N, C-alpha and C. Protein backbone atom coordinates (compact mmCIF):
# COMPACT_ATOMS: atom_id res chain seq x y z
N UNK A 1 2.96 -27.98 51.78
CA UNK A 1 1.63 -27.71 51.36
C UNK A 1 1.35 -28.50 50.08
N UNK A 2 0.24 -29.14 50.10
CA UNK A 2 -0.15 -29.99 48.96
C UNK A 2 -1.05 -29.21 48.02
N UNK A 3 -0.81 -29.46 46.74
CA UNK A 3 -1.67 -28.83 45.75
C UNK A 3 -2.95 -29.62 45.64
N UNK A 4 -4.01 -28.87 45.47
CA UNK A 4 -5.29 -29.51 45.29
C UNK A 4 -5.41 -29.98 43.86
N UNK A 5 -5.85 -31.16 43.69
CA UNK A 5 -6.00 -31.74 42.36
C UNK A 5 -7.40 -31.40 41.84
N UNK A 6 -7.42 -30.66 40.71
CA UNK A 6 -8.70 -30.26 40.14
C UNK A 6 -9.09 -31.20 39.02
N UNK A 7 -10.36 -31.38 38.83
CA UNK A 7 -10.80 -32.22 37.72
C UNK A 7 -10.54 -31.50 36.39
N UNK A 8 -10.20 -32.24 35.34
CA UNK A 8 -9.97 -31.56 34.06
C UNK A 8 -11.24 -30.86 33.60
N UNK A 9 -11.00 -29.72 32.92
CA UNK A 9 -12.14 -28.94 32.42
C UNK A 9 -12.19 -29.06 30.91
N UNK A 10 -13.33 -28.94 30.36
CA UNK A 10 -13.54 -29.02 28.92
C UNK A 10 -14.09 -27.67 28.46
N UNK A 11 -13.51 -27.09 27.38
CA UNK A 11 -14.12 -25.87 26.88
C UNK A 11 -15.50 -26.19 26.30
N UNK A 12 -16.32 -25.21 26.22
CA UNK A 12 -17.66 -25.46 25.65
C UNK A 12 -17.52 -26.00 24.22
N UNK A 13 -18.41 -26.86 23.83
CA UNK A 13 -18.30 -27.51 22.51
C UNK A 13 -18.37 -26.51 21.38
N UNK A 14 -19.08 -25.41 21.50
CA UNK A 14 -19.15 -24.43 20.43
C UNK A 14 -17.79 -23.72 20.26
N UNK A 15 -17.01 -23.57 21.33
CA UNK A 15 -15.68 -22.98 21.24
C UNK A 15 -14.75 -23.89 20.44
N UNK A 16 -14.81 -25.19 20.69
CA UNK A 16 -14.01 -26.15 19.94
C UNK A 16 -14.37 -26.10 18.46
N UNK A 17 -15.66 -26.01 18.18
CA UNK A 17 -16.09 -25.97 16.79
C UNK A 17 -15.59 -24.72 16.09
N UNK A 18 -15.63 -23.57 16.80
CA UNK A 18 -15.12 -22.32 16.20
C UNK A 18 -13.61 -22.41 15.95
N UNK A 19 -12.89 -23.02 16.87
CA UNK A 19 -11.44 -23.17 16.70
C UNK A 19 -11.16 -24.07 15.49
N UNK A 20 -11.88 -25.19 15.37
CA UNK A 20 -11.70 -26.09 14.22
C UNK A 20 -12.01 -25.38 12.91
N UNK A 21 -13.06 -24.59 12.88
CA UNK A 21 -13.42 -23.84 11.67
C UNK A 21 -12.33 -22.82 11.32
N UNK A 22 -11.80 -22.16 12.34
CA UNK A 22 -10.73 -21.18 12.10
C UNK A 22 -9.49 -21.86 11.54
N UNK A 23 -9.16 -23.04 12.06
CA UNK A 23 -8.00 -23.79 11.57
C UNK A 23 -8.22 -24.19 10.12
N UNK A 24 -9.39 -24.67 9.77
CA UNK A 24 -9.68 -25.07 8.39
C UNK A 24 -9.58 -23.87 7.47
N UNK A 25 -10.15 -22.73 7.91
CA UNK A 25 -10.08 -21.51 7.09
C UNK A 25 -8.63 -21.07 6.85
N UNK A 26 -7.80 -21.13 7.90
CA UNK A 26 -6.40 -20.76 7.75
C UNK A 26 -5.66 -21.74 6.82
N UNK A 27 -5.95 -23.03 6.93
CA UNK A 27 -5.33 -24.00 6.04
C UNK A 27 -5.69 -23.72 4.58
N UNK A 28 -6.95 -23.38 4.31
CA UNK A 28 -7.36 -23.06 2.96
C UNK A 28 -6.65 -21.83 2.43
N UNK A 29 -6.49 -20.81 3.29
CA UNK A 29 -5.79 -19.59 2.87
C UNK A 29 -4.32 -19.89 2.57
N UNK A 30 -3.69 -20.70 3.38
CA UNK A 30 -2.29 -21.06 3.16
C UNK A 30 -2.15 -21.83 1.83
N UNK A 31 -3.06 -22.76 1.58
CA UNK A 31 -3.01 -23.52 0.32
C UNK A 31 -3.18 -22.60 -0.89
N UNK A 32 -4.08 -21.62 -0.78
CA UNK A 32 -4.31 -20.67 -1.85
C UNK A 32 -3.07 -19.82 -2.09
N UNK A 33 -2.46 -19.32 -1.01
CA UNK A 33 -1.25 -18.53 -1.14
C UNK A 33 -0.11 -19.32 -1.76
N UNK A 34 0.00 -20.59 -1.34
CA UNK A 34 1.06 -21.44 -1.90
C UNK A 34 0.84 -21.66 -3.39
N UNK A 35 -0.39 -21.87 -3.80
CA UNK A 35 -0.70 -22.07 -5.23
C UNK A 35 -0.40 -20.79 -6.00
N UNK A 36 -0.79 -19.65 -5.46
CA UNK A 36 -0.51 -18.36 -6.14
C UNK A 36 0.98 -18.15 -6.26
N UNK A 37 1.74 -18.40 -5.20
CA UNK A 37 3.19 -18.23 -5.23
C UNK A 37 3.80 -19.16 -6.29
N UNK A 38 3.32 -20.39 -6.35
CA UNK A 38 3.84 -21.34 -7.32
C UNK A 38 3.57 -20.86 -8.74
N UNK A 39 2.35 -20.34 -8.99
CA UNK A 39 2.01 -19.79 -10.30
C UNK A 39 2.89 -18.62 -10.66
N UNK A 40 3.11 -17.70 -9.70
CA UNK A 40 3.97 -16.54 -9.95
C UNK A 40 5.40 -16.94 -10.22
N UNK A 41 5.89 -17.92 -9.47
CA UNK A 41 7.27 -18.38 -9.69
C UNK A 41 7.42 -18.94 -11.09
N UNK A 42 6.43 -19.69 -11.56
CA UNK A 42 6.49 -20.24 -12.92
C UNK A 42 6.46 -19.11 -13.95
N UNK A 43 5.63 -18.08 -13.71
CA UNK A 43 5.55 -16.93 -14.63
C UNK A 43 6.87 -16.20 -14.69
N UNK A 44 7.47 -15.94 -13.52
CA UNK A 44 8.76 -15.24 -13.47
C UNK A 44 9.82 -16.05 -14.21
N UNK A 45 9.84 -17.36 -14.02
CA UNK A 45 10.82 -18.21 -14.70
C UNK A 45 10.62 -18.15 -16.22
N UNK A 46 9.35 -18.18 -16.67
CA UNK A 46 9.07 -18.12 -18.11
C UNK A 46 9.49 -16.78 -18.69
N UNK A 47 9.22 -15.71 -17.96
CA UNK A 47 9.60 -14.37 -18.45
C UNK A 47 11.12 -14.23 -18.48
N UNK A 48 11.80 -14.71 -17.45
CA UNK A 48 13.26 -14.66 -17.41
C UNK A 48 13.84 -15.41 -18.59
N UNK A 49 13.26 -16.56 -18.92
CA UNK A 49 13.73 -17.34 -20.06
C UNK A 49 13.50 -16.57 -21.38
N UNK A 50 12.36 -15.93 -21.52
CA UNK A 50 12.07 -15.15 -22.74
C UNK A 50 13.03 -13.99 -22.89
N UNK A 51 13.32 -13.33 -21.78
CA UNK A 51 14.26 -12.19 -21.81
C UNK A 51 15.64 -12.69 -22.22
N UNK A 52 16.06 -13.81 -21.67
CA UNK A 52 17.37 -14.38 -22.04
C UNK A 52 17.42 -14.69 -23.53
N UNK A 53 16.31 -15.23 -24.08
CA UNK A 53 16.26 -15.53 -25.51
C UNK A 53 16.39 -14.24 -26.31
N UNK A 54 15.71 -13.19 -25.89
CA UNK A 54 15.79 -11.91 -26.60
C UNK A 54 17.21 -11.34 -26.52
N UNK A 55 17.82 -11.42 -25.35
CA UNK A 55 19.16 -10.87 -25.19
C UNK A 55 20.19 -11.65 -25.99
N UNK A 56 19.90 -12.90 -26.34
CA UNK A 56 20.88 -13.71 -27.08
C UNK A 56 20.80 -13.46 -28.59
N UNK A 57 19.83 -12.68 -29.04
CA UNK A 57 19.69 -12.42 -30.47
C UNK A 57 20.85 -11.53 -30.93
N UNK A 58 21.50 -11.97 -31.97
CA UNK A 58 22.55 -11.13 -32.57
C UNK A 58 22.02 -10.57 -33.88
N UNK A 59 22.35 -9.33 -34.11
CA UNK A 59 21.87 -8.68 -35.33
C UNK A 59 22.86 -8.95 -36.47
N UNK A 60 22.35 -9.33 -37.62
CA UNK A 60 23.22 -9.69 -38.74
C UNK A 60 23.86 -8.47 -39.39
N UNK A 61 24.95 -8.71 -40.04
CA UNK A 61 25.57 -7.66 -40.85
C UNK A 61 24.68 -7.40 -42.05
N UNK A 62 24.84 -6.22 -42.67
CA UNK A 62 24.01 -5.92 -43.84
C UNK A 62 24.14 -7.03 -44.89
N UNK A 63 23.00 -7.48 -45.41
CA UNK A 63 22.97 -8.51 -46.44
C UNK A 63 22.84 -9.92 -45.90
N UNK A 64 23.07 -10.14 -44.59
CA UNK A 64 22.93 -11.47 -44.01
C UNK A 64 21.48 -11.72 -43.60
N UNK A 65 21.11 -12.99 -43.51
CA UNK A 65 19.77 -13.35 -43.09
C UNK A 65 19.66 -13.29 -41.57
N UNK A 66 18.62 -12.62 -41.04
CA UNK A 66 18.47 -12.55 -39.58
C UNK A 66 18.19 -13.93 -38.97
N UNK A 67 18.64 -14.16 -37.72
CA UNK A 67 18.40 -15.45 -37.09
C UNK A 67 16.93 -15.66 -36.69
N UNK A 68 16.16 -14.58 -36.57
CA UNK A 68 14.72 -14.69 -36.29
C UNK A 68 14.00 -13.70 -37.19
N UNK A 69 12.76 -14.01 -37.46
CA UNK A 69 11.97 -13.09 -38.29
C UNK A 69 11.43 -11.96 -37.43
N UNK A 70 11.05 -10.88 -38.08
CA UNK A 70 10.45 -9.76 -37.37
C UNK A 70 9.17 -10.20 -36.69
N UNK A 71 8.40 -11.06 -37.33
CA UNK A 71 7.15 -11.57 -36.76
C UNK A 71 7.42 -12.33 -35.46
N UNK A 72 8.48 -13.15 -35.43
CA UNK A 72 8.83 -13.88 -34.21
C UNK A 72 9.23 -12.92 -33.10
N UNK A 73 10.01 -11.90 -33.48
CA UNK A 73 10.45 -10.92 -32.48
C UNK A 73 9.26 -10.14 -31.96
N UNK A 74 8.33 -9.75 -32.84
CA UNK A 74 7.14 -9.01 -32.42
C UNK A 74 6.25 -9.86 -31.51
N UNK A 75 6.11 -11.14 -31.82
CA UNK A 75 5.29 -12.05 -31.00
C UNK A 75 5.90 -12.21 -29.61
N UNK A 76 7.20 -12.39 -29.53
CA UNK A 76 7.87 -12.53 -28.24
C UNK A 76 7.75 -11.25 -27.41
N UNK A 77 7.92 -10.11 -28.08
CA UNK A 77 7.80 -8.83 -27.39
C UNK A 77 6.38 -8.65 -26.84
N UNK A 78 5.37 -8.96 -27.66
CA UNK A 78 3.97 -8.85 -27.22
C UNK A 78 3.70 -9.76 -26.04
N UNK A 79 4.25 -10.98 -26.07
CA UNK A 79 4.04 -11.91 -24.97
C UNK A 79 4.68 -11.39 -23.69
N UNK A 80 5.89 -10.83 -23.80
CA UNK A 80 6.56 -10.28 -22.62
C UNK A 80 5.76 -9.13 -22.04
N UNK A 81 5.21 -8.26 -22.89
CA UNK A 81 4.39 -7.16 -22.39
C UNK A 81 3.16 -7.67 -21.69
N UNK A 82 2.49 -8.67 -22.25
CA UNK A 82 1.30 -9.24 -21.61
C UNK A 82 1.67 -9.87 -20.26
N UNK A 83 2.82 -10.57 -20.21
CA UNK A 83 3.27 -11.18 -18.96
C UNK A 83 3.54 -10.11 -17.91
N UNK A 84 4.21 -9.04 -18.30
CA UNK A 84 4.54 -7.95 -17.38
C UNK A 84 3.25 -7.31 -16.86
N UNK A 85 2.30 -7.08 -17.75
CA UNK A 85 1.00 -6.50 -17.32
C UNK A 85 0.30 -7.39 -16.32
N UNK A 86 0.30 -8.71 -16.59
CA UNK A 86 -0.38 -9.65 -15.70
C UNK A 86 0.31 -9.68 -14.34
N UNK A 87 1.64 -9.67 -14.30
CA UNK A 87 2.35 -9.69 -13.03
C UNK A 87 2.13 -8.40 -12.26
N UNK A 88 2.08 -7.27 -12.95
CA UNK A 88 1.85 -5.99 -12.29
C UNK A 88 0.47 -5.97 -11.63
N UNK A 89 -0.53 -6.59 -12.25
CA UNK A 89 -1.88 -6.61 -11.71
C UNK A 89 -1.95 -7.37 -10.38
N UNK A 90 -1.08 -8.36 -10.20
CA UNK A 90 -1.08 -9.10 -8.94
C UNK A 90 -0.03 -8.58 -7.97
N UNK A 91 0.60 -7.46 -8.31
CA UNK A 91 1.50 -6.82 -7.36
C UNK A 91 2.94 -7.24 -7.47
N UNK A 92 3.33 -7.89 -8.53
CA UNK A 92 4.73 -8.27 -8.70
C UNK A 92 5.39 -7.20 -9.55
N UNK A 93 6.39 -6.48 -9.01
CA UNK A 93 7.03 -5.43 -9.79
C UNK A 93 7.78 -6.03 -10.97
N UNK A 94 7.72 -5.36 -12.14
CA UNK A 94 8.39 -5.90 -13.31
C UNK A 94 9.77 -5.34 -13.53
N UNK A 95 10.10 -4.25 -12.88
CA UNK A 95 11.43 -3.66 -13.00
C UNK A 95 11.89 -3.21 -11.62
N UNK A 96 12.23 -4.20 -10.75
CA UNK A 96 12.59 -3.84 -9.40
C UNK A 96 13.95 -3.15 -9.38
N UNK A 97 14.20 -2.48 -8.32
CA UNK A 97 15.54 -1.95 -8.10
C UNK A 97 15.65 -0.45 -8.22
N UNK A 98 16.83 -0.02 -7.87
CA UNK A 98 17.16 1.39 -7.91
C UNK A 98 17.34 1.83 -9.34
N UNK A 99 16.79 3.00 -9.71
CA UNK A 99 16.99 3.47 -11.07
C UNK A 99 18.47 3.76 -11.34
N UNK A 100 18.86 3.68 -12.59
CA UNK A 100 20.22 3.98 -13.01
C UNK A 100 20.19 4.66 -14.37
N UNK A 101 21.26 5.37 -14.69
CA UNK A 101 21.36 6.05 -15.99
C UNK A 101 22.68 5.67 -16.64
N UNK A 102 22.76 5.92 -17.95
CA UNK A 102 23.99 5.66 -18.72
C UNK A 102 24.53 6.98 -19.21
N UNK A 103 25.83 7.18 -19.06
CA UNK A 103 26.54 8.31 -19.68
C UNK A 103 27.38 7.71 -20.81
N UNK A 104 27.08 8.16 -22.04
CA UNK A 104 27.74 7.60 -23.22
C UNK A 104 28.46 8.74 -23.93
N UNK A 105 29.79 8.65 -23.98
CA UNK A 105 30.60 9.68 -24.61
C UNK A 105 30.31 9.77 -26.11
N UNK A 106 30.38 11.00 -26.66
CA UNK A 106 30.18 11.20 -28.09
C UNK A 106 31.26 10.47 -28.87
N UNK A 107 30.91 10.08 -30.09
CA UNK A 107 31.84 9.36 -30.96
C UNK A 107 32.18 10.28 -32.13
N UNK A 108 33.46 10.49 -32.34
CA UNK A 108 33.87 11.38 -33.45
C UNK A 108 33.76 10.64 -34.77
N UNK A 109 33.79 11.38 -35.90
CA UNK A 109 33.72 10.79 -37.23
C UNK A 109 34.94 9.94 -37.53
N UNK A 110 34.76 8.99 -38.45
CA UNK A 110 35.82 8.06 -38.83
C UNK A 110 35.84 7.90 -40.36
N UNK A 111 36.92 7.31 -40.83
CA UNK A 111 37.00 6.98 -42.25
C UNK A 111 36.95 5.46 -42.40
N UNK A 112 36.66 5.03 -43.62
CA UNK A 112 36.52 3.60 -43.89
C UNK A 112 37.77 2.82 -43.51
N UNK A 113 38.94 3.41 -43.68
CA UNK A 113 40.19 2.70 -43.42
C UNK A 113 40.66 2.78 -41.98
N UNK A 114 39.91 3.41 -41.09
CA UNK A 114 40.32 3.50 -39.68
C UNK A 114 40.37 2.13 -39.02
N UNK A 115 41.27 1.99 -38.09
CA UNK A 115 41.37 0.75 -37.30
C UNK A 115 40.17 0.70 -36.34
N UNK A 116 39.84 -0.50 -35.89
CA UNK A 116 38.77 -0.61 -34.87
C UNK A 116 39.11 0.31 -33.70
N UNK A 117 38.08 0.85 -33.07
CA UNK A 117 38.29 1.79 -31.97
C UNK A 117 37.34 1.49 -30.81
N UNK A 118 37.75 1.95 -29.63
CA UNK A 118 36.95 1.70 -28.43
C UNK A 118 35.94 2.83 -28.22
N UNK A 119 34.78 2.46 -27.70
CA UNK A 119 33.78 3.45 -27.25
C UNK A 119 33.68 3.33 -25.76
N UNK A 120 33.21 4.38 -25.11
CA UNK A 120 33.20 4.42 -23.66
C UNK A 120 31.86 4.90 -23.13
N UNK A 121 31.33 4.19 -22.17
CA UNK A 121 30.09 4.57 -21.50
C UNK A 121 30.14 4.00 -20.07
N UNK A 122 29.40 4.61 -19.19
CA UNK A 122 29.33 4.13 -17.81
C UNK A 122 27.92 4.21 -17.28
N UNK A 123 27.59 3.30 -16.40
CA UNK A 123 26.27 3.29 -15.75
C UNK A 123 26.44 3.89 -14.37
N UNK A 124 25.46 4.66 -13.94
CA UNK A 124 25.53 5.29 -12.60
C UNK A 124 25.60 4.22 -11.50
N UNK A 125 25.14 3.00 -11.79
CA UNK A 125 25.19 1.90 -10.84
C UNK A 125 26.60 1.32 -10.70
N UNK A 126 27.47 1.58 -11.69
CA UNK A 126 28.78 0.94 -11.74
C UNK A 126 28.76 -0.40 -12.43
N UNK A 127 27.60 -0.86 -12.85
CA UNK A 127 27.49 -2.13 -13.57
C UNK A 127 28.03 -1.96 -14.98
N UNK A 128 28.47 -3.03 -15.64
CA UNK A 128 29.05 -2.91 -16.99
C UNK A 128 27.99 -2.56 -18.03
N UNK A 129 28.43 -1.78 -19.02
CA UNK A 129 27.56 -1.35 -20.11
C UNK A 129 27.90 -2.17 -21.36
N UNK A 130 26.88 -2.58 -22.13
CA UNK A 130 27.12 -3.31 -23.37
C UNK A 130 26.82 -2.38 -24.54
N UNK A 131 27.40 -2.70 -25.69
CA UNK A 131 27.24 -1.89 -26.89
C UNK A 131 26.74 -2.75 -28.04
N UNK A 132 25.94 -2.15 -28.91
CA UNK A 132 25.55 -2.81 -30.14
C UNK A 132 25.40 -1.74 -31.21
N UNK A 133 25.63 -2.14 -32.46
CA UNK A 133 25.41 -1.22 -33.58
C UNK A 133 23.94 -1.37 -33.94
N UNK A 134 23.18 -0.27 -33.71
CA UNK A 134 21.75 -0.28 -34.00
C UNK A 134 21.49 -0.15 -35.50
N UNK A 135 22.35 0.61 -36.19
CA UNK A 135 22.22 0.74 -37.63
C UNK A 135 23.50 1.30 -38.21
N UNK A 136 23.70 1.05 -39.49
CA UNK A 136 24.85 1.59 -40.18
C UNK A 136 25.96 0.58 -40.46
N UNK A 137 26.96 1.03 -41.21
CA UNK A 137 28.03 0.14 -41.66
C UNK A 137 29.14 -0.05 -40.61
N UNK A 138 28.86 -0.80 -39.59
CA UNK A 138 29.85 -1.09 -38.54
C UNK A 138 29.40 -2.32 -37.76
N UNK A 139 30.33 -2.86 -36.98
CA UNK A 139 30.01 -3.96 -36.08
C UNK A 139 30.55 -3.61 -34.70
N UNK A 140 29.97 -4.22 -33.68
CA UNK A 140 30.43 -4.01 -32.30
C UNK A 140 30.83 -5.33 -31.71
N UNK A 141 31.93 -5.34 -31.00
CA UNK A 141 32.37 -6.53 -30.25
C UNK A 141 32.87 -6.01 -28.92
N UNK A 142 32.08 -6.26 -27.87
CA UNK A 142 32.43 -5.67 -26.59
C UNK A 142 32.34 -4.17 -26.73
N UNK A 143 33.40 -3.46 -26.34
CA UNK A 143 33.42 -2.02 -26.45
C UNK A 143 34.21 -1.54 -27.67
N UNK A 144 34.41 -2.43 -28.66
CA UNK A 144 35.19 -2.06 -29.84
C UNK A 144 34.28 -2.01 -31.06
N UNK A 145 34.38 -0.91 -31.82
CA UNK A 145 33.60 -0.70 -33.02
C UNK A 145 34.53 -0.84 -34.23
N UNK A 146 34.05 -1.58 -35.25
CA UNK A 146 34.79 -1.73 -36.50
C UNK A 146 33.90 -1.20 -37.63
N UNK A 147 34.41 -0.19 -38.35
CA UNK A 147 33.63 0.34 -39.47
C UNK A 147 33.80 -0.57 -40.67
N UNK A 148 32.71 -0.71 -41.47
CA UNK A 148 32.74 -1.63 -42.61
C UNK A 148 32.41 -0.93 -43.93
N UNK A 149 32.14 0.36 -43.86
CA UNK A 149 31.83 1.10 -45.08
C UNK A 149 31.41 2.52 -44.73
N UNK A 150 31.16 3.33 -45.76
CA UNK A 150 30.75 4.72 -45.51
C UNK A 150 29.28 4.82 -45.11
N UNK A 151 28.96 5.85 -44.34
CA UNK A 151 27.57 6.09 -43.94
C UNK A 151 27.48 6.53 -42.51
N UNK A 152 26.25 6.60 -42.00
CA UNK A 152 26.00 7.00 -40.61
C UNK A 152 25.81 5.75 -39.77
N UNK A 153 26.49 5.71 -38.64
CA UNK A 153 26.43 4.56 -37.73
C UNK A 153 25.78 5.04 -36.42
N UNK A 154 24.86 4.22 -35.91
CA UNK A 154 24.26 4.49 -34.60
C UNK A 154 24.66 3.34 -33.67
N UNK A 155 25.30 3.72 -32.56
CA UNK A 155 25.75 2.73 -31.57
C UNK A 155 24.88 2.95 -30.30
N UNK A 156 24.38 1.87 -29.75
CA UNK A 156 23.51 1.94 -28.56
C UNK A 156 24.22 1.31 -27.38
N UNK A 157 24.20 2.02 -26.24
CA UNK A 157 24.74 1.52 -24.98
C UNK A 157 23.58 1.07 -24.11
N UNK A 158 23.73 -0.10 -23.47
CA UNK A 158 22.66 -0.67 -22.65
C UNK A 158 23.21 -1.17 -21.31
N UNK A 159 22.33 -1.20 -20.30
CA UNK A 159 22.66 -1.81 -19.03
C UNK A 159 21.39 -2.45 -18.54
N UNK A 160 21.36 -3.80 -18.43
CA UNK A 160 20.15 -4.57 -18.14
C UNK A 160 19.71 -4.57 -16.69
N UNK A 161 20.54 -4.09 -15.78
CA UNK A 161 20.18 -4.10 -14.38
C UNK A 161 20.50 -5.44 -13.72
N UNK A 162 20.18 -5.53 -12.44
CA UNK A 162 20.38 -6.78 -11.71
C UNK A 162 19.38 -6.80 -10.56
N UNK A 163 19.64 -7.58 -9.50
CA UNK A 163 18.69 -7.68 -8.40
C UNK A 163 18.59 -6.37 -7.64
N UNK A 164 19.61 -5.52 -7.72
CA UNK A 164 19.62 -4.26 -6.99
C UNK A 164 19.20 -3.08 -7.86
N UNK A 165 19.63 -3.06 -9.13
CA UNK A 165 19.38 -1.93 -10.02
C UNK A 165 18.43 -2.28 -11.13
N UNK A 166 17.50 -1.37 -11.42
CA UNK A 166 16.57 -1.52 -12.54
C UNK A 166 17.33 -1.32 -13.85
N UNK A 167 16.80 -1.84 -14.95
CA UNK A 167 17.46 -1.60 -16.25
C UNK A 167 17.52 -0.09 -16.53
N UNK A 168 18.64 0.33 -17.14
CA UNK A 168 18.78 1.73 -17.55
C UNK A 168 18.15 1.92 -18.91
N UNK A 169 17.71 3.14 -19.20
CA UNK A 169 17.26 3.45 -20.55
C UNK A 169 18.46 3.44 -21.49
N UNK A 170 18.29 2.85 -22.67
CA UNK A 170 19.39 2.82 -23.64
C UNK A 170 19.75 4.24 -24.06
N UNK A 171 21.01 4.43 -24.37
CA UNK A 171 21.51 5.72 -24.88
C UNK A 171 22.25 5.44 -26.18
N UNK A 172 21.97 6.25 -27.22
CA UNK A 172 22.61 6.04 -28.53
C UNK A 172 23.46 7.25 -28.90
N UNK A 173 24.53 6.96 -29.63
CA UNK A 173 25.38 7.99 -30.21
C UNK A 173 25.56 7.65 -31.69
N UNK A 174 25.60 8.65 -32.53
CA UNK A 174 25.83 8.39 -33.95
C UNK A 174 27.11 9.07 -34.41
N UNK A 175 27.68 8.55 -35.49
CA UNK A 175 28.85 9.15 -36.09
C UNK A 175 28.83 8.83 -37.58
N UNK A 176 29.61 9.59 -38.31
CA UNK A 176 29.66 9.43 -39.78
C UNK A 176 30.96 8.79 -40.19
N UNK A 177 30.86 7.84 -41.10
CA UNK A 177 32.05 7.19 -41.68
C UNK A 177 32.18 7.71 -43.11
N UNK A 178 33.32 8.27 -43.41
CA UNK A 178 33.56 8.80 -44.76
C UNK A 178 34.61 7.96 -45.46
N UNK A 179 34.71 8.14 -46.78
CA UNK A 179 35.72 7.43 -47.54
C UNK A 179 37.04 8.02 -47.23
C-alpha cells in the first residue's frame, strides 16, 4: 500500500506571529533573570568578603592600638545590615540552614598565677566552636585561656555555621581572676 503524498501545509500567519512574539517575550524574561542572578551573585560575593574581613579582626590586648577604628567597624556593620536587608527583599535568605545552639560550660574562678587552661563548649550541629575574650584581663588562643591580671573576664563562644547550619547565637561565660 502506497502512502498518499500530501502537499505541505502552512499554519496561519497570525499563529506564526504569536509564536514569534512568545519566543521574544521568553528570551527577554530569561535575559532579565540572568541579569538578576548575576547581580545577586555579586552581592553575595561582596557580603561574604565583608564577613571574612570582620571575622579576621583580632582584638588587641589592653593598652594596644586596635587594628581598625570603631568608626570603620560601625560602617562595615551598617553596610552588612543594608546588604542583608536588600537580599531579603528579593527573596535571598541571609541565614540559611538548620538552627543550632551552643552549650558553654561554666568557668571557675582563677588566680593571676594560674597556668593557661582549657574551656569547653559544643554546638548542637557538631561543628567546631571558637572562643574569644570579650572583655577582661585574659587572652584566648583556640580553646585555651591565659589570664593576664586580676579582674572579671568574659569569654564568648561562637559558631559561624556553614552551608547546612545557620550561625548559632553567641554564648558568654564570665569568671573572676584574683591575686
